[in-house]
């Protein structure tokens, strides 16, 4: 039986409250995806602060359709990672197009199939915390609402000196019935985003962005 955990949202942790506030535009421009984390686990107070930021996102007709599952158990994270790798290897074998990078020379990128077949490869990059955002079946804008919540969470994490990365590879495994049951995600809900959060082991390199492609300005 699925239960809902109501967590009171506290003020900022003491380790953060004294820091100079980072500007919103600075956070937007400076946040990067982190794929190398220390072993330090996030405490509950910090996670509640991130969730508080997430639920302050815009939401269509004030439905607030999001649900959250927090995974910090190392065995569970490894199990979900292995399940996701198996699913992707099966899909790649059936001809599903693989995600590709347009910024990294192909010669410098290992075969995706080779990476997924490597038992040592963890799609969560050994991060100690995974935040799963699922949406209740409440209309056509649920996915948009959940992604807005995800962006709030990632920007808040950056403001707290933490690193994040969206793990699209995890969605198939997280939406599998056995994983939903394990994480107590209601069967009718859909996992929309999977975000790892933790302390970066090293500062990620800056990545450039193209100028906005404006197709019309009337």
Protein backbone atom coordinates (compact mmCIF):
# COMPACT_ATOMS: atom_id res chain seq x y z
CA UNK A 1 0.00 0.00 0.00
CA UNK A 2 1.37 3.37 -0.99
CA UNK A 3 1.76 5.96 1.74
CA UNK A 4 2.43 9.67 1.41
CA UNK A 5 5.21 11.12 3.55
CA UNK A 6 4.52 14.70 4.58
CA UNK A 7 7.74 16.47 5.48
CA UNK A 8 7.69 19.86 7.18
CA UNK A 9 9.86 22.27 5.22
CA UNK A 10 12.52 23.84 7.48
CA UNK A 11 14.53 27.03 7.05
CA UNK A 12 17.85 26.84 5.25
CA UNK A 13 20.43 24.57 6.92
CA UNK A 14 22.89 26.35 9.21
CA UNK A 15 25.71 25.46 6.80
CA UNK A 16 23.93 27.47 4.12
CA UNK A 17 22.10 30.22 5.98
CA UNK A 18 25.25 32.28 6.47
CA UNK A 19 26.33 32.18 2.85
CA UNK A 20 25.94 35.15 0.55
CA UNK A 21 22.92 34.61 -1.65
CA UNK A 22 23.73 33.76 -5.24
CA UNK A 23 21.78 35.64 -7.88
CA UNK A 24 19.18 33.76 -9.91
CA UNK A 25 20.81 34.69 -13.22
CA UNK A 26 24.20 33.61 -11.90
CA UNK A 27 22.78 30.24 -10.87
CA UNK A 28 21.14 29.79 -14.28
CA UNK A 29 24.34 30.62 -16.16
CA UNK A 30 26.78 28.76 -13.91
CA UNK A 31 24.93 25.51 -13.13
CA UNK A 32 26.41 22.49 -14.92
CA UNK A 33 25.63 18.79 -14.98
CA UNK A 34 27.95 16.94 -12.59
CA UNK A 35 29.04 13.37 -13.29
CA UNK A 36 31.62 12.90 -10.56
CA UNK A 37 30.57 12.96 -6.90
CA UNK A 38 32.15 12.45 -3.51
CA UNK A 39 30.83 9.75 -1.20
CA UNK A 40 29.20 12.31 1.13
CA UNK A 41 25.46 11.75 1.55
CA UNK A 42 22.98 14.58 1.79
CA UNK A 43 21.18 15.02 5.09
CA UNK A 44 17.40 15.10 5.34
CA UNK A 45 17.31 18.81 6.13
CA UNK A 46 19.08 19.68 2.89
CA UNK A 47 16.83 17.38 0.86
CA UNK A 48 13.74 18.98 2.40
CA UNK A 49 15.11 22.40 1.44
CA UNK A 50 15.50 21.22 -2.17
CA UNK A 51 11.99 19.77 -2.22
CA UNK A 52 10.61 23.03 -0.86
CA UNK A 53 12.24 24.82 -3.80
CA UNK A 54 10.79 22.25 -6.20
CA UNK A 55 7.19 22.64 -5.06
CA UNK A 56 7.38 26.42 -5.51
CA UNK A 57 7.57 25.92 -9.26
CA UNK A 58 4.75 27.12 -11.53
CA UNK A 59 1.95 24.58 -11.91
CA UNK A 60 -0.94 24.52 -14.37
CA UNK A 61 -4.30 25.39 -12.76
CA UNK A 62 -2.54 24.87 -9.41
CA UNK A 63 -2.77 21.09 -9.66
CA UNK A 64 0.67 20.51 -8.07
CA UNK A 65 0.77 17.00 -9.60
CA UNK A 66 4.30 16.14 -8.50
CA UNK A 67 5.34 13.30 -6.22
CA UNK A 68 8.86 12.62 -4.96
CA UNK A 69 10.78 9.48 -4.11
CA UNK A 70 14.20 9.82 -2.49
CA UNK A 71 16.67 6.97 -2.97
CA UNK A 72 19.86 6.93 -0.88
CA UNK A 73 20.30 3.21 -0.36
CA UNK A 74 23.44 2.22 -2.29
CA UNK A 75 22.15 -1.25 -3.13
CA UNK A 76 18.87 0.15 -4.46
CA UNK A 77 20.71 2.72 -6.59
CA UNK A 78 22.94 0.01 -8.05
CA UNK A 79 19.94 -2.25 -8.67
CA UNK A 80 18.06 0.49 -10.54
CA UNK A 81 21.20 1.36 -12.51
CA UNK A 82 21.70 -2.26 -13.58
CA UNK A 83 18.03 -2.56 -14.53
CA UNK A 84 18.25 0.60 -16.63
CA UNK A 85 21.38 -0.64 -18.40
CA UNK A 86 19.72 -3.94 -19.29
CA UNK A 87 16.68 -2.14 -20.69
CA UNK A 88 18.83 0.19 -22.81
CA UNK A 89 20.97 -2.64 -24.14
CA UNK A 90 17.79 -4.43 -25.20
CA UNK A 91 16.42 -1.29 -26.88
CA UNK A 92 19.70 -0.58 -28.66
CA UNK A 93 19.71 -4.17 -29.91
CA UNK A 94 16.23 -3.56 -31.34
CA UNK A 95 17.39 -0.48 -33.22
CA UNK A 96 16.30 2.28 -30.85
CA UNK A 97 18.31 5.42 -31.71
CA UNK A 98 20.88 6.21 -29.06
CA UNK A 99 21.25 9.65 -27.50
CA UNK A 100 24.10 11.45 -29.18
CA UNK A 101 26.40 14.33 -28.42
CA UNK A 102 26.88 17.10 -30.95
CA UNK A 103 29.71 18.69 -28.96
CA UNK A 104 32.04 15.76 -28.33
CA UNK A 105 34.02 14.24 -31.24
CA UNK A 106 32.77 10.67 -31.85
CA UNK A 107 36.36 9.37 -31.76
CA UNK A 108 36.59 10.43 -28.11
CA UNK A 109 33.35 8.78 -27.02
CA UNK A 110 33.20 5.13 -26.02
CA UNK A 111 30.50 3.09 -27.62
CA UNK A 112 27.32 3.55 -25.64
CA UNK A 113 26.68 -0.17 -25.77
CA UNK A 114 30.17 -0.83 -24.38
CA UNK A 115 29.55 1.53 -21.48
CA UNK A 116 26.19 0.00 -20.68
CA UNK A 117 27.67 -3.49 -20.79
CA UNK A 118 30.44 -2.52 -18.36
CA UNK A 119 29.49 -3.88 -14.90
CA UNK A 120 31.45 -1.05 -13.26
CA UNK A 121 29.49 1.70 -15.04
CA UNK A 122 26.86 3.29 -12.80
CA UNK A 123 24.35 5.53 -14.59
CA UNK A 124 24.08 7.54 -11.35
CA UNK A 125 27.83 8.21 -11.31
CA UNK A 126 28.05 6.96 -7.72
CA UNK A 127 26.03 9.89 -6.39
CA UNK A 128 24.57 9.16 -2.97
CA UNK A 129 21.13 10.68 -3.54
CA UNK A 130 18.59 10.25 -6.33
CA UNK A 131 15.47 12.42 -6.42
CA UNK A 132 12.71 10.86 -8.50
CA UNK A 133 9.93 13.18 -9.64
CA UNK A 134 6.70 11.51 -10.69
CA UNK A 135 3.44 13.04 -11.85
CA UNK A 136 -0.10 12.11 -10.95
CA UNK A 137 -2.47 11.55 -13.91
CA UNK A 138 -4.09 14.99 -13.64
CA UNK A 139 -4.11 16.33 -17.18
CA UNK A 140 -1.96 17.30 -20.17
CA UNK A 141 0.48 19.59 -18.34
CA UNK A 142 1.77 17.19 -15.68
CA UNK A 143 5.11 16.57 -17.39
CA UNK A 144 5.68 20.31 -17.83
CA UNK A 145 4.91 20.94 -14.16
CA UNK A 146 7.31 18.20 -13.05
CA UNK A 147 10.11 19.54 -15.23
CA UNK A 148 9.58 23.02 -13.84
CA UNK A 149 9.89 21.54 -10.35
CA UNK A 150 13.05 19.72 -11.45
CA UNK A 151 14.65 22.94 -12.67
CA UNK A 152 13.81 24.69 -9.40
CA UNK A 153 15.43 21.83 -7.49
CA UNK A 154 18.60 21.90 -9.60
CA UNK A 155 19.03 25.66 -9.30
CA UNK A 156 18.45 25.48 -5.55
CA UNK A 157 21.03 22.71 -5.29
CA UNK A 158 23.57 24.84 -7.13
CA UNK A 159 22.86 27.75 -4.81
CA UNK A 160 23.65 25.40 -1.89
CA UNK A 161 26.97 24.42 -3.44
CA UNK A 162 25.74 21.02 -4.64
CA UNK A 163 25.90 19.32 -8.01
CA UNK A 164 23.07 17.74 -9.97
CA UNK A 165 22.48 15.84 -13.19
CA UNK A 166 19.30 14.69 -14.91
CA UNK A 167 19.58 10.99 -15.72
CA UNK A 168 17.33 10.27 -18.68
CA UNK A 169 18.69 6.73 -18.93
CA UNK A 170 16.90 5.92 -15.65
CA UNK A 171 13.34 6.70 -16.74
CA UNK A 172 12.55 3.35 -18.34
CA UNK A 173 13.71 1.42 -15.28
CA UNK A 174 12.00 3.82 -12.87
CA UNK A 175 8.68 3.43 -14.70
CA UNK A 176 8.93 -0.37 -14.63
CA UNK A 177 6.25 -1.86 -12.35
CA UNK A 178 8.80 -3.59 -10.12
CA UNK A 179 10.72 -0.36 -9.53
CA UNK A 180 7.55 1.62 -8.85
CA UNK A 181 6.54 -1.00 -6.31
CA UNK A 182 9.96 -0.88 -4.66
CA UNK A 183 9.89 2.92 -4.41
CA UNK A 184 6.16 3.04 -3.50
CA UNK A 185 5.32 5.17 -6.53
CA UNK A 186 1.62 4.73 -7.38
CA UNK A 187 1.06 2.58 -10.49
CA UNK A 188 -0.96 5.33 -12.19
CA UNK A 189 1.79 7.92 -11.74
CA UNK A 190 4.52 8.46 -14.33
CA UNK A 191 8.15 9.12 -13.47
CA UNK A 192 9.11 12.25 -15.38
CA UNK A 193 12.55 13.18 -14.07
CA UNK A 194 15.42 11.51 -12.22
CA UNK A 195 17.97 13.86 -10.68
CA UNK A 196 21.12 12.86 -8.85
CA UNK A 197 22.30 15.30 -6.20
CA UNK A 198 25.49 15.45 -4.20
CA UNK A 199 28.80 17.08 -3.49
CA UNK A 200 30.85 17.47 -6.70
CA UNK A 201 34.20 15.69 -6.60
CA UNK A 202 35.53 18.30 -9.02
CA UNK A 203 34.21 21.45 -10.61
CA UNK A 204 32.67 20.65 -14.02
CA UNK A 205 34.16 22.39 -17.00
CA UNK A 206 32.24 25.35 -18.44
CA UNK A 207 30.15 24.58 -21.49
CA UNK A 208 29.27 27.19 -24.09
CA UNK A 209 25.79 27.84 -25.35
CA UNK A 210 24.60 28.93 -28.75
CA UNK A 211 22.82 32.23 -29.08
CA UNK A 212 19.01 32.01 -28.94
CA UNK A 213 17.57 30.94 -32.29
CA UNK A 214 14.84 33.52 -32.79
CA UNK A 215 12.55 32.43 -35.59
CA UNK A 216 10.10 35.29 -35.18
CA UNK A 217 9.87 38.66 -33.39
CA UNK A 218 6.75 40.55 -34.37
